[in-house]
Every structure is written in structure tokens, then in C-alpha cells.
């Protein structure tokens, strides 16, 4: 009975109608419980063993029970989606995207007066490089994603609108969380991981459905795929670099362009289109992806290996700081932030993020260089 004392009449009504659908949600995130109640009240369905949790500093959706393949995790009716109203009226082209961002900004300004308030107030907005100042961008050492301001410029030019607080929040939410049909509540709480994708969105005449494409064990996180994108693009649009597989690229001063994919300790340089397509798979373990990468490396010529090795070494030598120096810089800044009675300013946090990002790139490139040199030695030994 004590649990019910803290619940609003609205949620008591939902529990009375839909049973124990919300009993697990109160444990960690009241906002998520309210969002689930709101979804159910308006005709949606939410799998009753879902919850949100923060892992490695990132909020995501986890299951509290074992889930079989093909289990419906979410059904969201068209009326709760911001962007599309039916299968025949789906968000399309630039004008449609502008309408979604503007509509969502209007709802944000309405605050508690908006139908979508339980959803919009619960969206976790990442800090994107588009918000950084010049000092923070400079710390990226020209490793920054291209067109860091492209989304703001698109909004101003294509949508013919100014960027205030509400529209900026709406724009970032749209860039980092929108699906192919627009903004779908609860669906957009799932994070991205190409190697661990276990859920997929489908549409019907009644709305959108989120179902599992693999079995998921209790306590595991649920993942979607945002598609195959390079690490700089992921960082620019979503504010993070994925764990694995990670696609990196770099261009040397003489104009040579190189790409590689990192699968933890295994690397595939000069990936083919077929190899990249294999990344966008489910039901594969890390070791299987690594086997694919190793087979790819066996197909490369000695010339390709040497060219990549030389390009990677020259690129690393041309950077303003080494990885070891960056590790000292980041330690000093984080120590200073801890010792400061007022904490870090946003600009200082952005600079730390920039150094973290350039360290990730250097670690990845060093790993690719070392792996390629090992392949060169192995291939040379076989030829002898």
C-alpha cells in the first residue's frame, strides 16, 4: 500500500486498468514510469519488464527479464508520433523535417500544457559539437567532424527560422533521436550499437512497433542501429563514439584518404562495401565480426598494407600532441575540475570532451598501425 501513496490519481487509474505494467518502473526513473503510463493511457503498449538505467554515464533501456526473439517491446499509435500521422503521411524531405522540429519546439514552449509533456520533459539531450565554442573546437586538433554547424545552418536556411532555446532543444533531439517516421516516444530511449543490435522498428496502419530481433537476457541493454556511420559523424550527430565496430577515416596532407574499422583489438583497413554491410547485422558475436575482419586483411596486397602503414605513421607524426601528452593533459584538467569548489564550466567540460575524442582517434589509429605492421611482418614471413 505504501507504494500507491506516492502515485498520482492518473497513474493509479492506469495501474488499475493495465495491472502491473508500471510496478518495475518506479525503481530507478519516475519520469520513465510516467512516460509508460502516458503511453498506455493513450492507446500504446509497453513491455512490462522494461526499465531505464545509466551505464558508463549513458542512459539506456534494459530488460528486467529474459526476452524471446520477436517480442513486442513497444507499440506507439500514430497520434503520439511527432512527424508522421499514418503510413500514407510519413515524414519526408527537408520540409517535413522542418515541420517536425518546429512542431516539437512549439510543444516544448507549451511545457505542461502540451500533450507530449511527459515525453518531451524526459528526452535526454546530448551536448553536441554544434554548441561548442572555438577554443573547444580547436582542442580537436583538426580531427573534428566536418561541418560541425551543419544542422544549425540547415535549420536557419531550410526552415527559415531563428534558433531559440526551445528550437535548439528540438533540433538536437531531432538530430540525435528521430526515427524514419519522426519522434517516437520511448523508442528513442534505446541507444545505438551495430554489433549488439537486438531491436528493430517496423510500421503498420495502426502505428509503429518495436520488436526484438534476438533473444535478450535479463539485465541486458536494448540496442537499435542508427546505420553505418563513421566515428566523426557519430560524434557530430549523437555526441558519442560507439564501442565497436568503429569506422574511422583520415586524409593525409598529400590527399590520400584512408579508412579502417576497429573491432576491439582487431582492425580491418581499407574496408570494402561488402565488409561494411556485414557490420549491419544482428545475431553475430564479436569473435565472428573479428573473423570477418581477419579474412578481409588476408585479401590485401603488401602494397596496400605498406601504404596504410606509411600514411598512418606520417599522420600521427604530424599531430600537435602525442597520445601520451594528451593523457597528461586530460588528467590535469580532470584533477583541476575535481578540486574546484564550483566545479567545471561548460566550456571546460567541452574541452575535456574534445581531448577525450582526439585520444580515442589516436588510440584507434595506433591500434590500426600496429595491427597492419603485424600483418606486414606475417605476410613477409609467409612469402619467404
Protein backbone atom coordinates (compact mmCIF):
# COMPACT_ATOMS: atom_id res chain seq x y z
CA UNK A 1 0.00 0.00 0.00
CA UNK A 2 2.87 2.39 0.70
CA UNK A 3 3.85 2.39 -2.98
CA UNK A 4 0.43 3.68 -4.00
CA UNK A 5 0.63 6.65 -1.66
CA UNK A 6 3.19 8.33 -3.89
CA UNK A 7 1.23 7.83 -7.10
CA UNK A 8 -1.00 10.38 -8.80
CA UNK A 9 -4.67 9.53 -9.47
CA UNK A 10 -3.77 9.36 -13.16
CA UNK A 11 -1.22 6.61 -12.59
CA UNK A 12 -3.45 4.78 -10.14
CA UNK A 13 -6.08 4.65 -12.88
CA UNK A 14 -3.59 3.25 -15.37
CA UNK A 15 -2.38 0.60 -12.93
CA UNK A 16 -5.95 -0.37 -12.13
CA UNK A 17 -6.70 -0.87 -15.83
CA UNK A 18 -3.41 -2.39 -17.02
CA UNK A 19 -2.31 -4.34 -13.98
CA UNK A 20 1.37 -4.46 -13.03
CA UNK A 21 2.70 -2.76 -16.15
CA UNK A 22 4.34 0.00 -14.13
CA UNK A 23 5.43 -1.79 -10.98
CA UNK A 24 9.06 -2.10 -12.04
CA UNK A 25 9.42 1.39 -13.49
CA UNK A 26 9.41 3.25 -10.15
CA UNK A 27 12.67 1.69 -9.02
CA UNK A 28 15.04 3.98 -10.89
CA UNK A 29 13.30 6.62 -13.00
CA UNK A 30 9.96 8.20 -12.11
CA UNK A 31 9.97 10.08 -15.42
CA UNK A 32 10.08 6.80 -17.31
CA UNK A 33 7.20 5.42 -15.22
CA UNK A 34 5.14 8.49 -16.06
CA UNK A 35 6.04 8.12 -19.72
CA UNK A 36 4.95 4.48 -19.73
CA UNK A 37 1.68 5.44 -18.03
CA UNK A 38 1.11 8.19 -20.58
CA UNK A 39 1.79 5.82 -23.49
CA UNK A 40 -0.61 3.17 -22.18
CA UNK A 41 -3.30 5.72 -21.33
CA UNK A 42 -3.27 6.94 -24.95
CA UNK A 43 -3.57 3.50 -26.51
CA UNK A 44 0.05 2.39 -26.70
CA UNK A 45 1.64 -0.76 -25.35
CA UNK A 46 4.91 -1.12 -23.45
CA UNK A 47 6.54 -4.40 -22.46
CA UNK A 48 6.09 -4.58 -18.69
CA UNK A 49 9.67 -5.66 -17.89
CA UNK A 50 11.49 -2.63 -19.30
CA UNK A 51 13.31 -0.01 -17.28
CA UNK A 52 15.93 2.68 -17.82
CA UNK A 53 19.40 2.62 -16.32
CA UNK A 54 22.62 4.62 -16.62
CA UNK A 55 25.63 2.59 -17.73
CA UNK A 56 29.05 4.15 -18.28
CA UNK A 57 27.43 7.55 -17.96
CA UNK A 58 24.85 6.90 -20.68
CA UNK A 59 21.15 6.34 -20.07
CA UNK A 60 19.57 3.42 -21.90
CA UNK A 61 16.78 0.85 -21.80
CA UNK A 62 17.29 -2.51 -20.12
CA UNK A 63 15.11 -5.57 -19.69
CA UNK A 64 14.38 -6.94 -16.24
CA UNK A 65 13.56 -10.39 -17.58
CA UNK A 66 14.63 -12.74 -20.36
CA UNK A 67 13.00 -11.80 -23.67
CA UNK A 68 12.49 -14.08 -26.66
CA UNK A 69 13.01 -13.21 -30.31
CA UNK A 70 10.02 -11.41 -31.82
CA UNK A 71 8.73 -9.97 -28.54
CA UNK A 72 6.89 -6.68 -28.89
CA UNK A 73 8.63 -4.09 -26.74
CA UNK A 74 6.56 -1.10 -27.78
CA UNK A 75 3.54 -0.14 -29.82
CA UNK A 76 3.09 3.60 -30.37
CA UNK A 77 -0.07 4.78 -32.17
CA UNK A 78 0.34 7.35 -34.93
CA UNK A 79 -1.38 10.03 -32.85
CA UNK A 80 1.55 10.07 -30.38
CA UNK A 81 4.26 10.39 -33.06
CA UNK A 82 5.55 13.84 -33.91
CA UNK A 83 6.30 13.78 -37.62
CA UNK A 84 4.02 11.23 -39.28
CA UNK A 85 0.29 10.65 -38.92
CA UNK A 86 -0.12 7.44 -40.94
CA UNK A 87 1.60 5.13 -43.40
CA UNK A 88 0.37 7.40 -46.18
CA UNK A 89 1.52 10.59 -44.43
CA UNK A 90 5.10 9.96 -43.35
CA UNK A 91 7.83 12.50 -42.66
CA UNK A 92 9.66 13.15 -45.92
CA UNK A 93 12.18 15.57 -47.45
CA UNK A 94 13.53 18.75 -45.88
CA UNK A 95 10.17 20.48 -45.48
CA UNK A 96 8.80 17.56 -43.49
CA UNK A 97 11.80 17.57 -41.18
CA UNK A 98 11.44 21.32 -40.65
CA UNK A 99 7.82 20.83 -39.68
CA UNK A 100 8.80 18.21 -37.09
CA UNK A 101 11.45 20.42 -35.47
CA UNK A 102 9.12 23.44 -35.42
CA UNK A 103 6.20 21.40 -34.09
CA UNK A 104 8.27 19.91 -31.33
CA UNK A 105 9.64 23.35 -30.39
CA UNK A 106 6.07 24.63 -30.09
CA UNK A 107 5.18 21.74 -27.80
CA UNK A 108 8.28 22.38 -25.67
CA UNK A 109 7.21 26.00 -25.23
CA UNK A 110 3.78 24.83 -24.02
CA UNK A 111 5.54 22.96 -21.20
CA UNK A 112 2.93 21.14 -19.05
CA UNK A 113 0.20 22.33 -21.39
CA UNK A 114 1.47 20.02 -24.13
CA UNK A 115 0.04 16.56 -24.73
CA UNK A 116 3.63 15.38 -25.16
CA UNK A 117 4.96 16.90 -21.91
CA UNK A 118 5.64 13.50 -20.21
CA UNK A 119 7.69 12.61 -23.30
CA UNK A 120 9.45 15.88 -24.10
CA UNK A 121 10.43 16.51 -20.48
CA UNK A 122 12.07 13.08 -20.35
CA UNK A 123 14.22 13.35 -23.50
CA UNK A 124 17.93 13.22 -22.67
CA UNK A 125 19.60 15.88 -24.85
CA UNK A 126 23.29 15.22 -25.64
CA UNK A 127 25.85 18.01 -25.80
CA UNK A 128 26.82 18.22 -29.49
CA UNK A 129 29.87 19.91 -31.01
CA UNK A 130 27.49 22.39 -32.68
CA UNK A 131 27.23 24.06 -29.24
CA UNK A 132 30.98 24.28 -28.62
CA UNK A 133 32.98 27.49 -28.73
CA UNK A 134 36.10 27.97 -30.88
CA UNK A 135 38.53 27.11 -28.06
CA UNK A 136 36.87 23.72 -27.57
CA UNK A 137 36.80 23.01 -31.32
CA UNK A 138 40.49 23.89 -31.57
CA UNK A 139 41.26 21.19 -29.00
CA UNK A 140 40.11 18.63 -31.56
CA UNK A 141 43.33 19.37 -33.49
CA UNK A 142 41.53 19.35 -36.84
CA UNK A 143 40.22 15.86 -36.10
CA UNK A 144 36.77 17.33 -35.68
CA UNK A 145 33.79 16.12 -37.70
CA UNK A 146 33.18 18.07 -40.88
CA UNK A 147 30.51 20.78 -40.91
CA UNK A 148 30.06 20.91 -37.14
CA UNK A 149 27.42 23.62 -37.51
CA UNK A 150 25.62 21.98 -40.43
CA UNK A 151 22.40 21.21 -38.54
CA UNK A 152 22.00 24.74 -37.23
CA UNK A 153 22.77 26.14 -40.69
CA UNK A 154 20.23 23.76 -42.24
CA UNK A 155 17.56 24.85 -39.77
CA UNK A 156 18.18 28.54 -40.41
CA UNK A 157 18.36 28.21 -44.20
CA UNK A 158 15.84 25.47 -44.97
CA UNK A 159 13.36 26.13 -42.18
CA UNK A 160 13.76 29.93 -42.27
CA UNK A 161 13.66 30.18 -38.51
CA UNK A 162 15.80 31.52 -35.69
CA UNK A 163 17.33 29.21 -33.12
CA UNK A 164 16.00 29.97 -29.63
CA UNK A 165 16.24 27.70 -26.57
CA UNK A 166 13.16 25.65 -27.47
CA UNK A 167 14.05 25.21 -31.15
CA UNK A 168 17.66 24.31 -30.27
CA UNK A 169 16.46 21.64 -27.85
CA UNK A 170 14.04 20.42 -30.50
CA UNK A 171 16.72 20.41 -33.20
CA UNK A 172 19.22 18.45 -31.10
CA UNK A 173 16.51 15.98 -30.06
CA UNK A 174 15.52 15.51 -33.70
CA UNK A 175 19.09 15.06 -34.95
CA UNK A 176 20.08 12.64 -32.20
CA UNK A 177 16.82 10.74 -31.62
CA UNK A 178 14.45 10.89 -34.62
CA UNK A 179 13.39 7.70 -36.39
CA UNK A 180 12.44 7.36 -40.04
CA UNK A 181 8.89 8.41 -39.16
CA UNK A 182 9.79 11.20 -36.74
CA UNK A 183 9.90 11.39 -32.96
CA UNK A 184 8.61 8.19 -31.35
CA UNK A 185 8.26 8.28 -27.54
CA UNK A 186 10.14 5.54 -25.61
CA UNK A 187 11.61 4.13 -28.85
CA UNK A 188 14.15 6.95 -28.85
CA UNK A 189 15.43 5.98 -25.40
CA UNK A 190 17.20 3.00 -26.96
CA UNK A 191 20.86 3.55 -27.77
CA UNK A 192 22.84 2.60 -30.87
CA UNK A 193 25.17 -0.37 -31.25
CA UNK A 194 25.71 -2.05 -34.60
CA UNK A 195 27.46 -5.03 -33.04
CA UNK A 196 24.77 -5.62 -30.40
CA UNK A 197 21.60 -4.57 -32.23
CA UNK A 198 18.72 -6.57 -30.78
CA UNK A 199 15.61 -4.49 -31.59
CA UNK A 200 14.03 -3.13 -34.75
CA UNK A 201 11.27 -0.67 -35.66
CA UNK A 202 8.50 -1.59 -38.09
CA UNK A 203 5.38 0.30 -39.12
CA UNK A 204 1.76 -0.71 -39.69
CA UNK A 205 -1.50 1.05 -40.43
CA UNK A 206 -2.03 1.49 -36.69
CA UNK A 207 1.38 2.89 -35.70
CA UNK A 208 4.95 1.77 -35.08
CA UNK A 209 6.12 -1.43 -33.42
CA UNK A 210 9.43 -2.11 -31.71
CA UNK A 211 10.28 -5.81 -31.51
CA UNK A 212 13.32 -7.87 -30.57
CA UNK A 213 15.38 -9.44 -33.37
CA UNK A 214 17.41 -11.59 -30.96
CA UNK A 215 16.80 -13.10 -27.56
CA UNK A 216 17.83 -10.75 -24.75
CA UNK A 217 18.88 -11.84 -21.26
CA UNK A 218 17.66 -10.14 -18.08
CA UNK A 219 19.78 -7.10 -17.25
CA UNK A 220 21.00 -6.57 -20.82
CA UNK A 221 20.58 -3.30 -22.68
CA UNK A 222 18.35 -2.99 -25.72
CA UNK A 223 20.00 -1.53 -28.82
CA UNK A 224 18.98 -0.16 -32.19
CA UNK A 225 21.13 0.64 -35.20
CA UNK A 226 21.40 4.22 -36.46
CA UNK A 227 23.06 2.86 -39.61
CA UNK A 228 26.69 2.56 -40.61
CA UNK A 229 28.41 5.87 -39.94
CA UNK A 230 31.98 6.95 -39.32
CA UNK A 231 33.06 7.86 -35.79
CA UNK A 232 33.32 11.60 -36.66
CA UNK A 233 29.72 11.58 -37.92
CA UNK A 234 28.51 9.68 -34.85
CA UNK A 235 30.27 12.18 -32.62
CA UNK A 236 28.87 15.17 -34.50
CA UNK A 237 25.26 13.95 -34.65
CA UNK A 238 24.92 11.91 -31.46
CA UNK A 239 27.69 13.07 -29.14
CA UNK A 240 29.47 9.73 -28.69
CA UNK A 241 31.79 7.24 -30.38
CA UNK A 242 30.46 3.70 -30.35
CA UNK A 243 32.27 0.85 -28.65
CA UNK A 244 32.65 -1.49 -31.63
CA UNK A 245 32.66 -1.77 -34.56
CA UNK A 246 34.02 1.76 -35.06
CA UNK A 247 34.60 3.18 -38.54
CA UNK A 248 37.36 5.80 -38.74
CA UNK A 249 38.87 7.69 -41.65
CA UNK A 250 41.69 10.21 -42.14
CA UNK A 251 43.22 12.15 -45.01
CA UNK A 252 46.97 12.72 -45.31
CA UNK A 253 48.47 16.11 -46.28
CA UNK A 254 49.14 14.79 -49.79
CA UNK A 255 45.47 13.92 -50.26
CA UNK A 256 45.46 10.16 -49.65
CA UNK A 257 42.26 9.06 -47.92
CA UNK A 258 42.30 6.02 -45.64
CA UNK A 259 39.59 4.23 -43.69
CA UNK A 260 39.61 1.43 -41.16
CA UNK A 261 37.20 -0.41 -38.87
CA UNK A 262 38.12 -1.29 -35.30
CA UNK A 263 36.64 -4.41 -33.68
CA UNK A 264 38.25 -4.01 -30.27
CA UNK A 265 41.78 -5.43 -30.80
CA UNK A 266 41.19 -6.49 -34.43
CA UNK A 267 41.38 -4.00 -37.30
CA UNK A 268 40.25 -4.04 -40.92
CA UNK A 269 41.90 -1.37 -43.08
CA UNK A 270 40.52 -0.23 -46.45
CA UNK A 271 37.13 -1.88 -45.77
CA UNK A 272 35.08 -2.93 -48.79
CA UNK A 273 31.40 -2.22 -49.24
CA UNK A 274 30.61 -5.87 -48.52
CA UNK A 275 32.53 -5.77 -45.24
CA UNK A 276 30.69 -2.65 -44.16
CA UNK A 277 27.36 -4.28 -44.99
CA UNK A 278 28.29 -7.20 -42.75
CA UNK A 279 28.58 -4.77 -39.83
CA UNK A 280 24.87 -4.03 -40.02
CA UNK A 281 23.92 -7.49 -38.81
CA UNK A 282 22.36 -8.94 -35.71
CA UNK A 283 22.83 -12.42 -34.25
CA UNK A 284 26.61 -12.13 -34.52
CA UNK A 285 29.17 -12.27 -31.76
CA UNK A 286 32.27 -10.07 -31.57
CA UNK A 287 34.52 -13.00 -32.48
CA UNK A 288 32.53 -13.54 -35.68
CA UNK A 289 32.95 -9.90 -36.68
CA UNK A 290 36.65 -10.21 -35.90
CA UNK A 291 36.89 -13.29 -38.11
CA UNK A 292 35.33 -11.32 -40.96
CA UNK A 293 37.92 -8.59 -40.43
CA UNK A 294 40.82 -11.06 -40.41
CA UNK A 295 39.64 -12.67 -43.63
CA UNK A 296 39.45 -9.21 -45.21
CA UNK A 297 43.00 -8.38 -44.11
CA UNK A 298 44.23 -11.60 -45.76
CA UNK A 299 42.95 -10.33 -49.12
CA UNK A 300 45.00 -7.11 -49.07
CA UNK A 301 48.21 -6.77 -51.05
CA UNK A 302 51.56 -5.92 -49.50
CA UNK A 303 51.41 -2.57 -51.28
CA UNK A 304 48.07 -1.69 -49.65
CA UNK A 305 49.45 -2.62 -46.24
CA UNK A 306 52.59 -0.53 -46.71
CA UNK A 307 50.67 2.49 -47.99
CA UNK A 308 48.34 2.44 -44.99
CA UNK A 309 51.22 1.96 -42.55
CA UNK A 310 53.15 4.88 -44.00
CA UNK A 311 50.07 7.11 -44.15
CA UNK A 312 49.10 6.34 -40.55
CA UNK A 313 52.62 6.94 -39.22
CA UNK A 314 53.01 10.24 -41.06
CA UNK A 315 49.59 11.38 -39.89
CA UNK A 316 50.35 10.62 -36.24
CA UNK A 317 53.75 12.32 -36.51
CA UNK A 318 52.09 15.45 -37.88
CA UNK A 319 49.65 15.93 -34.99
CA UNK A 320 50.39 18.69 -32.43
CA UNK A 321 50.46 16.30 -29.46
CA UNK A 322 51.06 12.63 -28.83
CA UNK A 323 48.67 10.28 -27.09
CA UNK A 324 50.91 10.26 -24.03
CA UNK A 325 50.81 14.07 -23.82
CA UNK A 326 47.03 14.02 -24.19
CA UNK A 327 46.76 11.58 -21.30
CA UNK A 328 48.66 14.03 -19.10
CA UNK A 329 46.54 16.98 -20.30
CA UNK A 330 43.28 15.17 -19.55
CA UNK A 331 44.50 14.08 -16.13
CA UNK A 332 45.46 17.65 -15.23
CA UNK A 333 42.13 19.07 -16.39
CA UNK A 334 40.02 16.42 -14.67
CA UNK A 335 42.01 16.83 -11.44
CA UNK A 336 41.52 20.60 -11.61
CA UNK A 337 37.78 20.10 -12.12
CA UNK A 338 37.55 17.82 -9.08
CA UNK A 339 39.49 20.26 -6.88
CA UNK A 340 37.46 23.28 -8.00
CA UNK A 341 34.81 24.19 -5.40
CA UNK A 342 32.49 25.47 -8.12
CA UNK A 343 33.06 22.53 -10.48
CA UNK A 344 33.79 22.76 -14.20
CA UNK A 345 32.29 25.33 -16.50
CA UNK A 346 30.54 24.09 -19.64
CA UNK A 347 33.48 25.31 -21.74
CA UNK A 348 35.90 23.28 -19.62
CA UNK A 349 33.68 20.20 -19.96
CA UNK A 350 33.64 20.67 -23.74
CA UNK A 351 37.43 20.91 -23.82
CA UNK A 352 37.68 17.66 -21.84
CA UNK A 353 35.28 16.04 -24.33
CA UNK A 354 37.44 17.29 -27.20
CA UNK A 355 40.61 15.82 -25.67
CA UNK A 356 38.79 12.55 -24.96
CA UNK A 357 37.70 12.40 -28.60
CA UNK A 358 41.15 13.08 -30.05
CA UNK A 359 42.57 10.43 -27.68
CA UNK A 360 40.04 7.90 -28.97
CA UNK A 361 41.10 8.63 -32.53
CA UNK A 362 44.82 8.36 -31.74
CA UNK A 363 44.33 5.10 -29.85
CA UNK A 364 42.36 3.72 -32.78
CA UNK A 365 44.94 4.83 -35.35
CA UNK A 366 47.82 3.46 -33.29
CA UNK A 367 45.98 0.14 -32.98
CA UNK A 368 45.39 0.10 -36.76
CA UNK A 369 49.04 0.92 -37.44
CA UNK A 370 50.34 -1.79 -35.11
CA UNK A 371 47.90 -4.35 -36.46
CA UNK A 372 48.85 -3.51 -40.06
CA UNK A 373 52.57 -3.76 -39.26
CA UNK A 374 51.97 -7.18 -37.74
CA UNK A 375 50.18 -8.21 -40.95
CA UNK A 376 53.14 -6.92 -42.99
CA UNK A 377 55.58 -8.99 -40.94
CA UNK A 378 53.35 -12.05 -41.15
CA UNK A 379 52.86 -11.72 -44.91
CA UNK A 380 56.57 -11.14 -45.49
CA UNK A 381 57.40 -14.25 -43.45
CA UNK A 382 54.96 -16.34 -45.46
CA UNK A 383 56.42 -15.08 -48.74
CA UNK A 384 59.93 -16.07 -47.57
